[in-house]
Amino acid sequence: MKRWAGLAAALVVASALLLTGTAGARQAQAQAAISLDLPRNSPLIAGQLTAVEVSVTSQRAVRGVVSVSTSSFEFGGSTVYQVPVELAAGTPVEFPLAVVAGFGGLELQAELVVGGESVAQAELRRFGDEAPGVLAAVLGVDAPGAVEMRAGTGSATTYQVSSERLETVGLLGTSYLITSPGALRSLTQPALLAVITWTADGGQLLVVGAEGSADDLLPEAWAQGPAGLGEVNYVDDSWAQSGLSLPARTIAGGAGQIDPQMLMGEVPVSSIDDLASDAGFSLPSLRSLLVLLGVYVLAAGPITYLVLKRMGSTHLAWRVLPLLAVVCTGMALVVGAGLRSDRGSSYASVVEVWPTGSKATTTILVSSTRSDIRTVEAPQAWHYTGSGQIVGWGPTSEGAVSVEPGRTGVAVSSNLTAGGAASMQLTGPAPQFDGALTIDQIVLDGATVVARVTNNSGVQLTEVVALLGTEAVEIGELADGESRSFTIEHSARLRQRLDELAAWGVNQFGGRPSRSSPIAAGVWSQWRGIEGLNAFPDGYVGVVGWSRDLEPPTSDIS
């Protein structure tokens, strides 16, 4: 009797706790709110990151998770971004979130989850076919909400940035940064690095102050020459009335004007094929499958009939044929298990080495022989830029890819079924590659350029080519520390092929990649397609080399 009384008491207490928790969640739902906002004129270009403003508030102090999901017609299905938040009563929490735009634009659903229950929801939908605008970030100076651009070319929408924002999402989709020398000096080192990288990538930095008053904060070479692909200009307090010069690129950092070669030429479009080959994904050849089918048909038909007829036991066929089917099925399972056992993870990185710093775009393929969650971790200031699925090798991720961004890095997870795989693409700064390739001793003679390239990467580089316009010149192999001079002539843009692919001997009409080849042609073509003409701007000489011996810029794969 006492035992039952104790059980009843336990049930009453548990029920009371459950009801209290439910009531608390309902109360939080009535007092919480969440909103999503995208600044007007924010450009939305497929495959490119954009910064969405998230605001959360609650009339009660709560601890929860902001979950933002996207199903924006892009690169591998939906993605869920999860950010833990602690809300003080009546105090809003606001933060930017870097998300990937899809081919159709952006479609987001957000919710605040407290105690496992959704207590506030919001949506944001923006179509990608709307005309892209121009954004101007403002730091430490007064500015109107919109600034006219010169020659009647429209206006730029302004928004305020902070050191913390620069550390997390940088200046995504932004063409101008208007600031002062004092504001630049107040930035943390990671935030200042984000400004320098953005400028070198094509941004226009306007410093409201005396000429040269911020030069000591910027790369020394910028005082005497161009600021990478961007510009640094000193202006006075009347800059807003004077207007802004038309930016050379609508967006700094990629997604520039589409390269005609990517539209007119036959190029590998799948980044998955190279990674799948490296990871050990393979299928039996058609000949092997036909031989197996032929053997089964012969064994189940004429051979079984003749053997049983000679034995005078044709009545046993109903026993022999099912047994033969079981044996053949078992053999197929053994062969299939052998094919899956060799699978692992693989990656390919495109590292851009500029005099002002390096950045990398890494595509990683993860696989699992059993149902499992695989996670990729990347360093600070890195962002997830998309995912892909392998078609033809069974199911991949069971749900959305989960992204957990933070100030110390980002973690991307995918729930895989047995034998499944998924790819994840991330991008961010890669200072470990600074100076890995240098180009100097440049001599210009009309349309002909003579220059020298030096390999400082620490490993031997193969399939090295120099690029200018659409011209490619083979350099060959470069040992670590080796320098080589080359001559290249500038050529017009409108060509119908990627000359570097021809130099590398890549089958531009598809075909199975070689597992021994160091060239990830699909990953390369995808990067060139997204970067557009900004990949190799007109008038810039580039050198590309490949290696299998460099470590991936991402931190960990588990």
Protein backbone atom coordinates (compact mmCIF):
# COMPACT_ATOMS: atom_id res chain seq x y z
CA MET A 1 0.00 0.00 0.00
CA LYS A 2 2.81 2.40 0.84
CA ARG A 3 4.52 1.58 -2.44
CA TRP A 4 1.39 2.52 -4.41
CA ALA A 5 1.00 5.70 -2.40
CA GLY A 6 4.56 6.67 -3.24
CA LEU A 7 3.92 5.98 -6.91
CA ALA A 8 0.77 8.10 -6.85
CA ALA A 9 2.67 10.95 -5.24
CA ALA A 10 5.37 10.69 -7.88
CA LEU A 11 2.76 10.81 -10.64
CA VAL A 12 1.13 13.86 -9.10
CA VAL A 13 4.47 15.68 -8.83
CA ALA A 14 5.44 14.76 -12.40
CA SER A 15 2.08 15.93 -13.70
CA ALA A 16 2.38 19.18 -11.79
CA LEU A 17 5.83 19.81 -13.25
CA LEU A 18 4.62 18.99 -16.75
CA LEU A 19 1.63 21.31 -16.47
CA THR A 20 3.82 24.06 -15.02
CA GLY A 21 6.28 23.73 -17.92
CA THR A 22 3.47 23.85 -20.47
CA ALA A 23 1.95 26.89 -18.84
CA GLY A 24 5.36 28.59 -18.80
CA ALA A 25 5.87 27.91 -22.49
CA ARG A 26 2.39 29.28 -23.29
CA GLN A 27 3.14 32.38 -21.25
CA ALA A 28 6.44 32.84 -23.10
CA GLN A 29 4.59 32.41 -26.40
CA ALA A 30 2.21 35.21 -25.49
CA GLN A 31 5.06 37.53 -24.54
CA ALA A 32 7.75 36.78 -27.16
CA ALA A 33 8.29 38.11 -30.68
CA ILE A 34 10.76 37.52 -33.51
CA SER A 35 11.29 39.39 -36.78
CA LEU A 36 13.43 39.09 -39.92
CA ASP A 37 14.53 41.99 -42.08
CA LEU A 38 16.61 42.43 -45.21
CA PRO A 39 17.79 45.99 -45.94
CA ARG A 40 16.18 47.55 -48.98
CA ASN A 41 18.37 47.21 -52.09
CA SER A 42 20.14 44.15 -50.69
CA PRO A 43 21.35 42.21 -53.75
CA LEU A 44 20.19 38.59 -53.94
CA ILE A 45 22.36 36.51 -56.27
CA ALA A 46 22.20 32.72 -56.39
CA GLY A 47 24.99 31.07 -54.44
CA GLN A 48 26.02 34.29 -52.69
CA LEU A 49 25.76 35.16 -49.01
CA THR A 50 23.54 37.95 -47.77
CA ALA A 51 23.06 39.29 -44.24
CA VAL A 52 19.56 39.03 -42.73
CA GLU A 53 18.75 41.05 -39.60
CA VAL A 54 17.20 38.97 -36.80
CA SER A 55 15.48 40.61 -33.82
CA VAL A 56 14.10 38.72 -30.81
CA THR A 57 12.37 40.07 -27.71
CA SER A 58 10.53 38.68 -24.70
CA GLN A 59 8.69 40.25 -21.78
CA ARG A 60 10.13 37.49 -19.58
CA ALA A 61 13.75 36.48 -19.12
CA VAL A 62 14.13 33.29 -21.15
CA ARG A 63 16.85 31.15 -22.67
CA GLY A 64 16.15 29.59 -26.04
CA VAL A 65 17.26 28.97 -29.61
CA VAL A 66 16.52 31.03 -32.70
CA SER A 67 15.95 28.66 -35.62
CA VAL A 68 15.93 30.09 -39.15
CA SER A 69 15.20 27.68 -42.01
CA THR A 70 15.50 28.26 -45.73
CA SER A 71 14.14 26.36 -48.71
CA SER A 72 15.26 28.88 -51.29
CA PHE A 73 15.39 26.86 -54.50
CA GLU A 74 19.10 26.31 -54.15
CA PHE A 75 21.98 23.93 -54.05
CA GLY A 76 20.77 20.92 -52.09
CA GLY A 77 17.54 21.71 -50.30
CA SER A 78 16.75 23.37 -47.01
CA THR A 79 19.13 24.64 -44.35
CA VAL A 80 18.41 25.33 -40.68
CA TYR A 81 20.49 27.98 -38.88
CA GLN A 82 20.42 27.65 -35.08
CA VAL A 83 21.61 30.42 -32.74
CA PRO A 84 21.31 30.15 -28.91
CA VAL A 85 20.01 33.35 -27.26
CA GLU A 86 19.53 34.61 -23.70
CA LEU A 87 16.81 37.26 -23.43
CA ALA A 88 16.49 39.72 -20.56
CA ALA A 89 12.95 40.89 -19.86
CA GLY A 90 11.91 43.57 -22.33
CA THR A 91 15.38 43.88 -23.91
CA PRO A 92 15.58 42.93 -27.61
CA VAL A 93 18.48 40.89 -28.94
CA GLU A 94 19.51 41.71 -32.51
CA PHE A 95 22.10 40.02 -34.67
CA PRO A 96 22.93 39.55 -38.38
CA LEU A 97 22.80 36.09 -39.92
CA ALA A 98 24.65 35.16 -43.12
CA VAL A 99 22.40 33.03 -45.34
CA VAL A 100 22.72 31.81 -48.93
CA ALA A 101 20.45 33.21 -51.63
CA GLY A 102 18.93 30.73 -54.04
CA PHE A 103 18.00 30.88 -57.70
CA GLY A 104 14.50 32.08 -56.82
CA GLY A 105 15.58 34.54 -54.16
CA LEU A 106 15.18 34.06 -50.43
CA GLU A 107 12.42 32.36 -48.44
CA LEU A 108 12.99 32.13 -44.69
CA GLN A 109 10.95 30.87 -41.74
CA ALA A 110 12.14 31.77 -38.23
CA GLU A 111 11.05 30.70 -34.78
CA LEU A 112 12.10 31.17 -31.18
CA VAL A 113 12.21 27.83 -29.39
CA VAL A 114 11.98 27.81 -25.59
CA GLY A 115 11.88 24.55 -23.68
CA GLY A 116 11.42 22.59 -26.89
CA GLU A 117 8.34 24.58 -27.92
CA SER A 118 8.05 27.27 -30.59
CA VAL A 119 6.90 30.48 -28.88
CA ALA A 120 7.29 33.02 -31.72
CA GLN A 121 7.42 32.80 -35.52
CA ALA A 122 8.25 35.03 -38.48
CA GLU A 123 8.69 34.79 -42.25
CA LEU A 124 10.68 36.66 -44.89
CA ARG A 125 10.31 36.26 -48.65
CA ARG A 126 12.24 38.21 -51.26
CA PHE A 127 12.37 37.38 -54.97
CA GLY A 128 15.73 37.24 -56.69
CA ASP A 129 14.49 38.72 -59.96
CA GLU A 130 14.08 42.13 -58.36
CA ALA A 131 16.69 44.62 -59.62
CA PRO A 132 19.75 44.48 -57.34
CA GLY A 133 20.45 47.69 -55.49
CA VAL A 134 23.50 49.25 -53.90
CA LEU A 135 24.29 49.17 -50.17
CA ALA A 136 26.56 51.55 -48.28
CA ALA A 137 27.72 50.71 -44.76
CA VAL A 138 28.34 53.56 -42.31
CA LEU A 139 30.76 53.39 -39.38
CA GLY A 140 31.36 56.27 -36.97
CA VAL A 141 30.00 59.08 -39.17
CA ASP A 142 26.58 60.65 -39.74
CA ALA A 143 24.81 59.68 -42.94
CA PRO A 144 21.30 59.98 -44.43
CA GLY A 145 19.23 56.88 -45.10
CA ALA A 146 20.06 57.05 -48.80
CA VAL A 147 22.90 58.70 -50.70
CA GLU A 148 22.63 59.73 -54.33
CA MET A 149 25.16 58.37 -56.79
CA ARG A 150 26.66 60.61 -59.41
CA ALA A 151 25.50 60.96 -63.02
CA GLY A 152 21.91 60.16 -62.06
CA THR A 153 22.60 56.45 -61.57
CA GLY A 154 20.31 56.04 -58.55
CA SER A 155 21.00 55.95 -54.84
CA ALA A 156 22.69 53.73 -52.29
CA THR A 157 20.84 52.61 -49.16
CA THR A 158 22.87 53.14 -45.98
CA TYR A 159 22.99 51.04 -42.82
CA GLN A 160 25.06 51.17 -39.63
CA VAL A 161 27.78 48.61 -38.86
CA SER A 162 29.73 47.82 -35.71
CA SER A 163 32.95 46.04 -34.87
CA GLU A 164 31.00 42.98 -33.74
CA ARG A 165 29.00 42.85 -36.96
CA LEU A 166 32.17 43.12 -39.05
CA GLU A 167 33.64 40.17 -37.14
CA THR A 168 30.63 37.94 -37.78
CA VAL A 169 29.25 38.75 -41.25
CA GLY A 170 31.67 41.35 -42.60
CA LEU A 171 30.25 43.57 -45.35
CA LEU A 172 28.22 41.04 -47.32
CA GLY A 173 26.54 42.51 -50.40
CA THR A 174 27.93 45.97 -49.66
CA SER A 175 29.56 48.26 -52.22
CA TYR A 176 30.69 51.16 -49.99
CA LEU A 177 31.98 51.67 -46.45
CA ILE A 178 31.89 55.29 -45.25
CA THR A 179 33.91 55.76 -42.06
CA SER A 180 36.46 57.95 -40.28
CA PRO A 181 40.09 57.35 -39.21
CA GLY A 182 39.00 57.29 -35.56
CA ALA A 183 36.31 54.68 -36.23
CA LEU A 184 38.80 52.49 -38.08
CA ARG A 185 41.23 52.75 -35.15
CA SER A 186 38.53 51.63 -32.72
CA LEU A 187 37.94 48.36 -34.58
CA THR A 188 39.19 45.06 -33.26
CA GLN A 189 41.88 43.36 -35.31
CA PRO A 190 39.45 40.77 -36.82
CA ALA A 191 37.03 43.57 -37.75
CA LEU A 192 39.77 45.67 -39.38
CA LEU A 193 40.95 42.59 -41.28
CA ALA A 194 37.39 42.11 -42.55
CA VAL A 195 37.39 45.69 -43.87
CA ILE A 196 40.78 45.25 -45.58
CA THR A 197 39.75 41.93 -47.14
CA TRP A 198 36.46 43.40 -48.36
CA THR A 199 38.25 46.40 -49.90
CA ALA A 200 40.80 44.19 -51.66
CA ASP A 201 37.87 42.15 -52.97
CA GLY A 202 36.38 45.14 -54.78
CA GLY A 203 34.82 47.35 -52.11
CA GLN A 204 35.04 51.15 -52.04
CA LEU A 205 36.36 52.52 -48.74
CA LEU A 206 35.53 56.20 -48.18
CA VAL A 207 37.42 57.77 -45.27
CA VAL A 208 36.01 61.09 -44.04
CA GLY A 209 39.23 62.85 -43.08
CA ALA A 210 42.50 64.32 -44.25
CA GLU A 211 44.37 62.65 -47.09
CA GLY A 212 46.45 59.75 -45.75
CA SER A 213 45.05 59.99 -42.21
CA ALA A 214 44.26 56.25 -42.11
CA ASP A 215 47.11 54.95 -44.27
CA ASP A 216 48.92 53.48 -41.25
CA LEU A 217 45.95 51.11 -40.71
CA LEU A 218 45.92 49.83 -44.29
CA PRO A 219 48.42 47.73 -46.27
CA GLU A 220 51.51 49.79 -47.08
CA ALA A 221 51.29 49.00 -50.79
CA TRP A 222 47.91 50.73 -51.03
CA ALA A 223 49.49 54.15 -50.45
CA GLN A 224 51.43 53.84 -53.72
CA GLY A 225 49.13 51.67 -55.82
CA PRO A 226 45.67 50.12 -56.15
CA ALA A 227 43.88 48.65 -53.13
CA GLY A 228 43.57 45.20 -54.63
CA LEU A 229 40.37 45.21 -56.69
CA GLY A 230 38.90 48.04 -54.62
CA GLU A 231 39.49 51.71 -53.92
CA VAL A 232 40.41 53.88 -50.92
CA ASN A 233 39.33 57.52 -51.19
CA TYR A 234 39.57 60.36 -48.68
CA VAL A 235 36.60 62.74 -48.66
CA ASP A 236 35.49 65.78 -46.66
CA ASP A 237 32.32 66.30 -44.65
CA SER A 238 30.35 67.23 -47.77
CA TRP A 239 30.65 63.73 -49.23
CA ALA A 240 26.90 63.07 -48.99
CA GLN A 241 26.07 66.21 -51.00
CA SER A 242 28.74 65.41 -53.60
CA GLY A 243 27.31 61.94 -54.18
CA LEU A 244 29.00 58.58 -54.61
CA SER A 245 30.89 57.47 -57.69
CA LEU A 246 29.43 54.48 -59.48
CA PRO A 247 31.03 51.32 -58.05
CA ALA A 248 33.16 49.24 -60.37
CA ARG A 249 31.25 46.19 -59.09
CA THR A 250 27.73 46.11 -57.75
CA ILE A 251 28.87 43.67 -55.09
CA ALA A 252 32.34 43.26 -53.66
CA GLY A 253 33.57 39.75 -53.09
CA GLY A 254 32.24 37.73 -55.97
CA ALA A 255 29.00 37.36 -57.93
CA GLY A 256 30.16 39.96 -60.40
CA GLN A 257 29.18 40.05 -64.05
CA ILE A 258 28.77 36.54 -65.44
CA ASP A 259 31.77 35.29 -67.39
CA PRO A 260 30.67 34.61 -71.00
CA GLN A 261 32.78 31.45 -71.00
CA MET A 262 30.56 29.91 -68.33
CA LEU A 263 27.51 30.47 -70.56
CA MET A 264 28.92 29.60 -73.97
CA GLY A 265 31.38 26.82 -73.25
CA GLU A 266 31.02 23.18 -72.30
CA VAL A 267 32.37 22.95 -68.75
CA PRO A 268 32.01 20.42 -65.94
CA VAL A 269 29.11 21.64 -63.80
CA SER A 270 29.04 19.01 -61.05
CA SER A 271 31.34 19.53 -58.09
CA ILE A 272 30.20 16.21 -56.67
CA ASP A 273 31.79 13.89 -59.23
CA ASP A 274 35.37 14.73 -58.25
CA LEU A 275 34.64 14.46 -54.53
CA ALA A 276 32.67 11.23 -54.91
CA SER A 277 35.53 9.63 -56.81
CA ASP A 278 38.02 10.69 -54.12
CA ALA A 279 35.73 9.47 -51.33
CA GLY A 280 35.56 5.99 -52.86
CA PHE A 281 32.06 6.10 -54.32
CA SER A 282 31.88 3.80 -57.31
CA LEU A 283 29.46 1.57 -59.18
CA PRO A 284 30.25 -1.67 -60.98
CA SER A 285 30.85 -1.15 -64.67
CA LEU A 286 28.05 -1.87 -67.14
CA ARG A 287 30.01 -4.86 -68.42
CA SER A 288 30.21 -6.36 -64.91
CA LEU A 289 26.47 -5.88 -64.35
CA LEU A 290 25.63 -7.46 -67.71
CA VAL A 291 27.93 -10.41 -66.99
CA LEU A 292 26.28 -10.92 -63.57
CA LEU A 293 22.82 -10.76 -65.14
CA GLY A 294 23.83 -13.18 -67.89
CA VAL A 295 25.27 -15.67 -65.41
CA TYR A 296 22.10 -15.53 -63.31
CA VAL A 297 19.83 -16.01 -66.33
CA LEU A 298 21.90 -18.97 -67.57
CA ALA A 299 22.08 -20.53 -64.10
CA ALA A 300 18.38 -20.07 -63.39
CA GLY A 301 17.34 -21.20 -66.84
CA PRO A 302 19.13 -23.66 -69.17
CA ILE A 303 21.82 -24.84 -66.74
CA THR A 304 19.38 -25.65 -63.91
CA TYR A 305 17.00 -27.33 -66.34
CA LEU A 306 19.70 -29.49 -67.94
CA VAL A 307 21.21 -30.53 -64.61
CA LEU A 308 17.85 -31.45 -63.07
CA LYS A 309 16.76 -33.25 -66.25
CA ARG A 310 19.94 -35.37 -66.27
CA MET A 311 19.32 -36.20 -62.60
CA GLY A 312 15.69 -36.99 -63.36
CA SER A 313 14.60 -34.52 -60.69
CA THR A 314 12.95 -31.68 -62.59
CA HIS A 315 10.27 -31.62 -59.89
CA LEU A 316 12.90 -30.09 -57.56
CA ALA A 317 13.11 -26.90 -59.64
CA TRP A 318 10.70 -25.10 -57.29
CA ARG A 319 13.26 -25.64 -54.51
CA VAL A 320 16.44 -25.02 -56.49
CA LEU A 321 15.40 -21.73 -58.11
CA PRO A 322 14.54 -19.92 -54.82
CA LEU A 323 17.79 -21.20 -53.32
CA LEU A 324 19.72 -19.93 -56.33
CA ALA A 325 18.02 -16.52 -55.99
CA VAL A 326 19.02 -16.34 -52.31
CA VAL A 327 22.65 -17.20 -53.15
CA CYS A 328 22.85 -14.56 -55.91
CA THR A 329 21.23 -11.96 -53.67
CA GLY A 330 23.76 -12.73 -50.94
CA MET A 331 26.61 -12.33 -53.41
CA ALA A 332 25.21 -8.96 -54.52
CA LEU A 333 24.96 -7.82 -50.88
CA VAL A 334 28.56 -8.83 -50.20
CA VAL A 335 29.80 -6.97 -53.28
CA GLY A 336 27.72 -3.91 -52.35
CA ALA A 337 29.05 -3.92 -48.79
CA GLY A 338 32.57 -4.07 -50.17
CA LEU A 339 31.91 -1.04 -52.36
CA ARG A 340 30.55 0.93 -49.39
CA SER A 341 33.32 -0.05 -46.97
CA ASP A 342 35.89 1.94 -48.95
CA ARG A 343 33.96 5.20 -48.68
CA GLY A 344 35.21 8.08 -46.62
CA SER A 345 35.27 11.88 -46.67
CA SER A 346 36.87 14.08 -49.30
CA TYR A 347 37.34 17.77 -49.94
CA ALA A 348 38.55 20.26 -52.53
CA SER A 349 39.54 23.86 -51.83
CA VAL A 350 39.99 26.85 -54.11
CA VAL A 351 42.37 29.22 -52.31
CA GLU A 352 42.65 32.81 -53.53
CA VAL A 353 46.03 34.30 -52.65
CA TRP A 354 46.11 38.10 -52.86
CA PRO A 355 48.82 40.49 -51.65
CA THR A 356 46.33 41.65 -48.99
CA GLY A 357 45.48 38.17 -47.71
CA SER A 358 44.03 34.81 -48.66
CA LYS A 359 40.58 33.28 -48.59
CA ALA A 360 39.36 29.79 -49.39
CA THR A 361 36.20 28.12 -50.67
CA THR A 362 36.09 24.50 -49.55
CA THR A 363 33.63 21.84 -50.68
CA ILE A 364 33.53 18.78 -48.41
CA LEU A 365 31.78 15.48 -49.02
CA VAL A 366 30.94 13.42 -45.93
CA SER A 367 29.61 9.87 -45.99
CA SER A 368 28.58 7.20 -43.51
CA THR A 369 28.24 3.42 -43.64
CA ARG A 370 25.49 3.63 -40.99
CA SER A 371 22.81 6.12 -39.97
CA ASP A 372 24.81 8.90 -38.39
CA ILE A 373 25.19 12.67 -38.01
CA ARG A 374 28.35 14.02 -39.64
CA THR A 375 29.65 17.45 -38.66
CA VAL A 376 32.15 19.82 -40.26
CA GLU A 377 33.66 22.63 -38.18
CA ALA A 378 35.25 25.74 -39.67
CA PRO A 379 37.22 28.58 -38.07
CA GLN A 380 36.13 32.08 -37.09
CA ALA A 381 34.63 34.31 -39.83
CA TRP A 382 33.81 31.32 -42.05
CA HIS A 383 30.33 30.87 -43.52
CA TYR A 384 28.31 28.00 -44.90
CA THR A 385 27.47 28.68 -48.55
CA GLY A 386 25.48 25.65 -49.70
CA SER A 387 25.16 21.90 -49.87
CA GLY A 388 24.64 19.27 -52.53
CA GLN A 389 23.39 15.69 -52.73
CA ILE A 390 24.71 12.75 -54.67
CA VAL A 391 22.21 11.43 -57.16
CA GLY A 392 22.32 7.71 -57.84
CA TRP A 393 23.88 6.41 -54.62
CA GLY A 394 20.76 6.11 -52.50
CA PRO A 395 19.38 8.54 -49.91
CA THR A 396 21.55 11.30 -48.50
CA SER A 397 20.62 13.61 -45.64
CA GLU A 398 17.24 12.78 -44.08
CA GLY A 399 16.44 16.41 -43.35
CA ALA A 400 17.80 19.89 -43.56
CA VAL A 401 21.46 20.68 -43.08
CA SER A 402 21.96 22.21 -39.63
CA VAL A 403 24.22 25.27 -39.31
CA GLU A 404 25.34 26.66 -35.94
CA PRO A 405 27.20 29.95 -36.49
CA GLY A 406 29.19 31.62 -33.73
CA ARG A 407 31.94 34.15 -33.13
CA THR A 408 34.52 31.36 -32.74
CA GLY A 409 33.51 29.39 -35.83
CA VAL A 410 30.69 27.55 -37.54
CA ALA A 411 29.53 23.92 -37.30
CA VAL A 412 27.59 22.30 -40.16
CA SER A 413 25.84 18.95 -39.62
CA SER A 414 23.94 16.54 -41.84
CA ASN A 415 21.88 13.53 -40.77
CA LEU A 416 22.92 10.68 -43.09
CA THR A 417 21.25 7.36 -43.70
CA ALA A 418 23.33 4.19 -44.04
CA GLY A 419 25.46 4.46 -47.16
CA GLY A 420 24.40 8.06 -47.71
CA ALA A 421 26.47 11.17 -48.33
CA ALA A 422 26.12 14.93 -48.52
CA SER A 423 28.34 17.81 -49.53
CA MET A 424 28.90 21.06 -47.67
CA GLN A 425 30.54 24.20 -49.01
CA LEU A 426 32.12 26.81 -46.75
CA THR A 427 34.15 29.94 -47.36
CA GLY A 428 36.30 32.22 -45.24
CA PRO A 429 39.73 33.74 -44.63
CA ALA A 430 42.75 31.42 -44.91
CA PRO A 431 45.78 33.33 -43.59
CA GLN A 432 47.85 30.14 -43.48
CA PHE A 433 48.12 30.44 -47.28
CA ASP A 434 49.28 34.07 -47.35
CA GLY A 435 52.14 34.41 -49.83
CA ALA A 436 51.80 30.79 -51.01
CA LEU A 437 52.09 32.06 -54.61
CA THR A 438 53.63 35.40 -55.57
CA ILE A 439 53.89 37.13 -58.94
CA ASP A 440 56.56 39.79 -59.47
CA GLN A 441 59.01 41.19 -62.04
CA ILE A 442 56.06 42.13 -64.24
CA VAL A 443 56.93 43.75 -67.58
CA LEU A 444 54.15 44.97 -69.88
CA ASP A 445 54.83 45.29 -73.62
CA GLY A 446 51.62 46.13 -75.44
CA ALA A 447 49.32 43.13 -74.99
CA THR A 448 52.21 40.90 -73.88
CA VAL A 449 53.03 40.38 -70.21
CA VAL A 450 56.27 38.87 -68.90
CA ALA A 451 56.30 37.98 -65.19
CA ARG A 452 57.75 35.59 -62.61
CA VAL A 453 55.84 33.28 -60.27
CA THR A 454 57.29 31.81 -57.06
CA ASN A 455 55.89 28.85 -55.14
CA ASN A 456 56.06 29.41 -51.36
CA SER A 457 53.31 26.95 -50.42
CA GLY A 458 55.58 24.38 -48.78
CA VAL A 459 54.60 21.65 -51.26
CA GLN A 460 55.11 20.93 -54.93
CA LEU A 461 52.40 22.32 -57.20
CA THR A 462 51.39 20.53 -60.39
CA GLU A 463 49.43 21.51 -63.50
CA VAL A 464 50.42 25.15 -62.98
CA VAL A 465 49.00 27.59 -65.54
CA ALA A 466 49.06 31.39 -65.92
CA LEU A 467 45.82 33.15 -66.91
CA LEU A 468 45.14 36.55 -68.48
CA GLY A 469 41.76 37.31 -69.99
CA THR A 470 40.89 33.96 -71.56
CA GLU A 471 44.45 33.03 -72.42
CA ALA A 472 46.17 30.22 -70.53
CA VAL A 473 49.89 29.38 -70.60
CA GLU A 474 51.18 26.11 -69.18
CA ILE A 475 53.97 26.44 -66.62
CA GLY A 476 54.06 22.80 -65.50
CA GLU A 477 55.32 21.74 -62.08
CA LEU A 478 56.70 24.12 -59.46
CA ALA A 479 58.73 22.74 -56.57
CA ASP A 480 58.51 24.47 -53.20
CA GLY A 481 60.64 27.61 -53.34
CA GLU A 482 61.02 27.45 -57.12
CA SER A 483 60.54 30.50 -59.35
CA ARG A 484 59.64 30.44 -63.04
CA SER A 485 59.25 33.20 -65.62
CA PHE A 486 56.41 33.09 -68.15
CA THR A 487 55.07 35.12 -71.06
CA ILE A 488 51.37 35.54 -71.78
CA GLU A 489 49.28 37.68 -74.13
CA HIS A 490 45.98 39.30 -73.29
CA SER A 491 42.98 37.94 -75.22
CA ALA A 492 39.36 39.01 -75.61
CA ARG A 493 36.72 37.76 -73.18
CA LEU A 494 34.23 36.28 -75.63
CA ARG A 495 35.66 32.81 -76.04
CA GLN A 496 33.71 29.57 -75.92
CA ARG A 497 35.87 27.54 -73.57
CA LEU A 498 37.88 27.75 -70.38
CA ASP A 499 41.44 27.59 -71.62
CA GLU A 500 42.79 26.30 -68.31
CA LEU A 501 40.58 23.21 -68.63
CA ALA A 502 42.05 22.57 -72.07
CA ALA A 503 45.55 23.01 -70.63
CA TRP A 504 44.73 20.51 -67.87
CA GLY A 505 43.31 18.02 -70.36
CA VAL A 506 39.92 17.93 -68.64
CA ASN A 507 37.05 16.27 -70.50
CA GLN A 508 34.77 19.30 -70.83
CA PHE A 509 31.81 17.17 -71.93
CA GLY A 510 31.68 15.19 -68.69
CA GLY A 511 33.06 11.76 -67.98
CA ARG A 512 34.21 9.97 -64.87
CA PRO A 513 36.97 11.87 -63.00
CA SER A 514 40.24 10.09 -62.36
CA ARG A 515 40.84 9.30 -58.69
CA SER A 516 44.57 9.91 -59.18
CA SER A 517 44.18 13.33 -60.79
CA PRO A 518 44.95 16.33 -58.56
CA ILE A 519 42.46 18.49 -60.49
CA ALA A 520 38.92 18.96 -59.16
CA ALA A 521 37.51 20.40 -62.38
CA GLY A 522 33.91 20.47 -61.18
CA VAL A 523 34.73 22.37 -57.99
CA TRP A 524 36.88 24.77 -60.01
CA SER A 525 34.13 25.41 -62.56
CA GLN A 526 31.55 25.97 -59.82
CA TRP A 527 33.80 28.53 -58.14
CA ARG A 528 34.42 30.34 -61.44
CA GLY A 529 30.72 30.34 -62.21
CA ILE A 530 29.77 31.96 -58.89
CA GLU A 531 32.63 34.47 -58.89
CA GLY A 532 31.96 35.52 -62.49
CA LEU A 533 34.37 38.05 -63.97
CA ASN A 534 35.65 38.78 -60.46
CA ALA A 535 37.45 35.43 -60.46
CA PHE A 536 40.11 36.87 -62.77
CA PRO A 537 39.31 40.56 -63.34
CA ASP A 538 40.24 42.01 -66.68
CA GLY A 539 43.82 43.29 -66.64
CA TYR A 540 44.95 40.99 -63.81
CA VAL A 541 47.37 38.10 -64.27
CA GLY A 542 46.57 34.96 -62.29
CA VAL A 543 48.49 31.74 -61.65
CA VAL A 544 46.78 28.48 -60.66
CA GLY A 545 48.42 25.32 -59.32
CA TRP A 546 47.15 22.07 -57.75
CA SER A 547 48.30 19.85 -54.91
CA ARG A 548 46.99 16.93 -52.88
CA ASP A 549 49.40 17.59 -50.01
CA LEU A 550 47.88 20.74 -48.50
CA GLU A 551 45.70 20.49 -45.40
CA PRO A 552 42.08 21.70 -45.68
CA PRO A 553 41.40 25.13 -44.18
CA THR A 554 38.42 23.75 -42.21
CA SER A 555 39.09 22.77 -38.60
CA ASP A 556 37.59 19.32 -38.16
CA ILE A 557 35.37 16.64 -39.68
CA SER A 558 33.58 14.29 -37.29
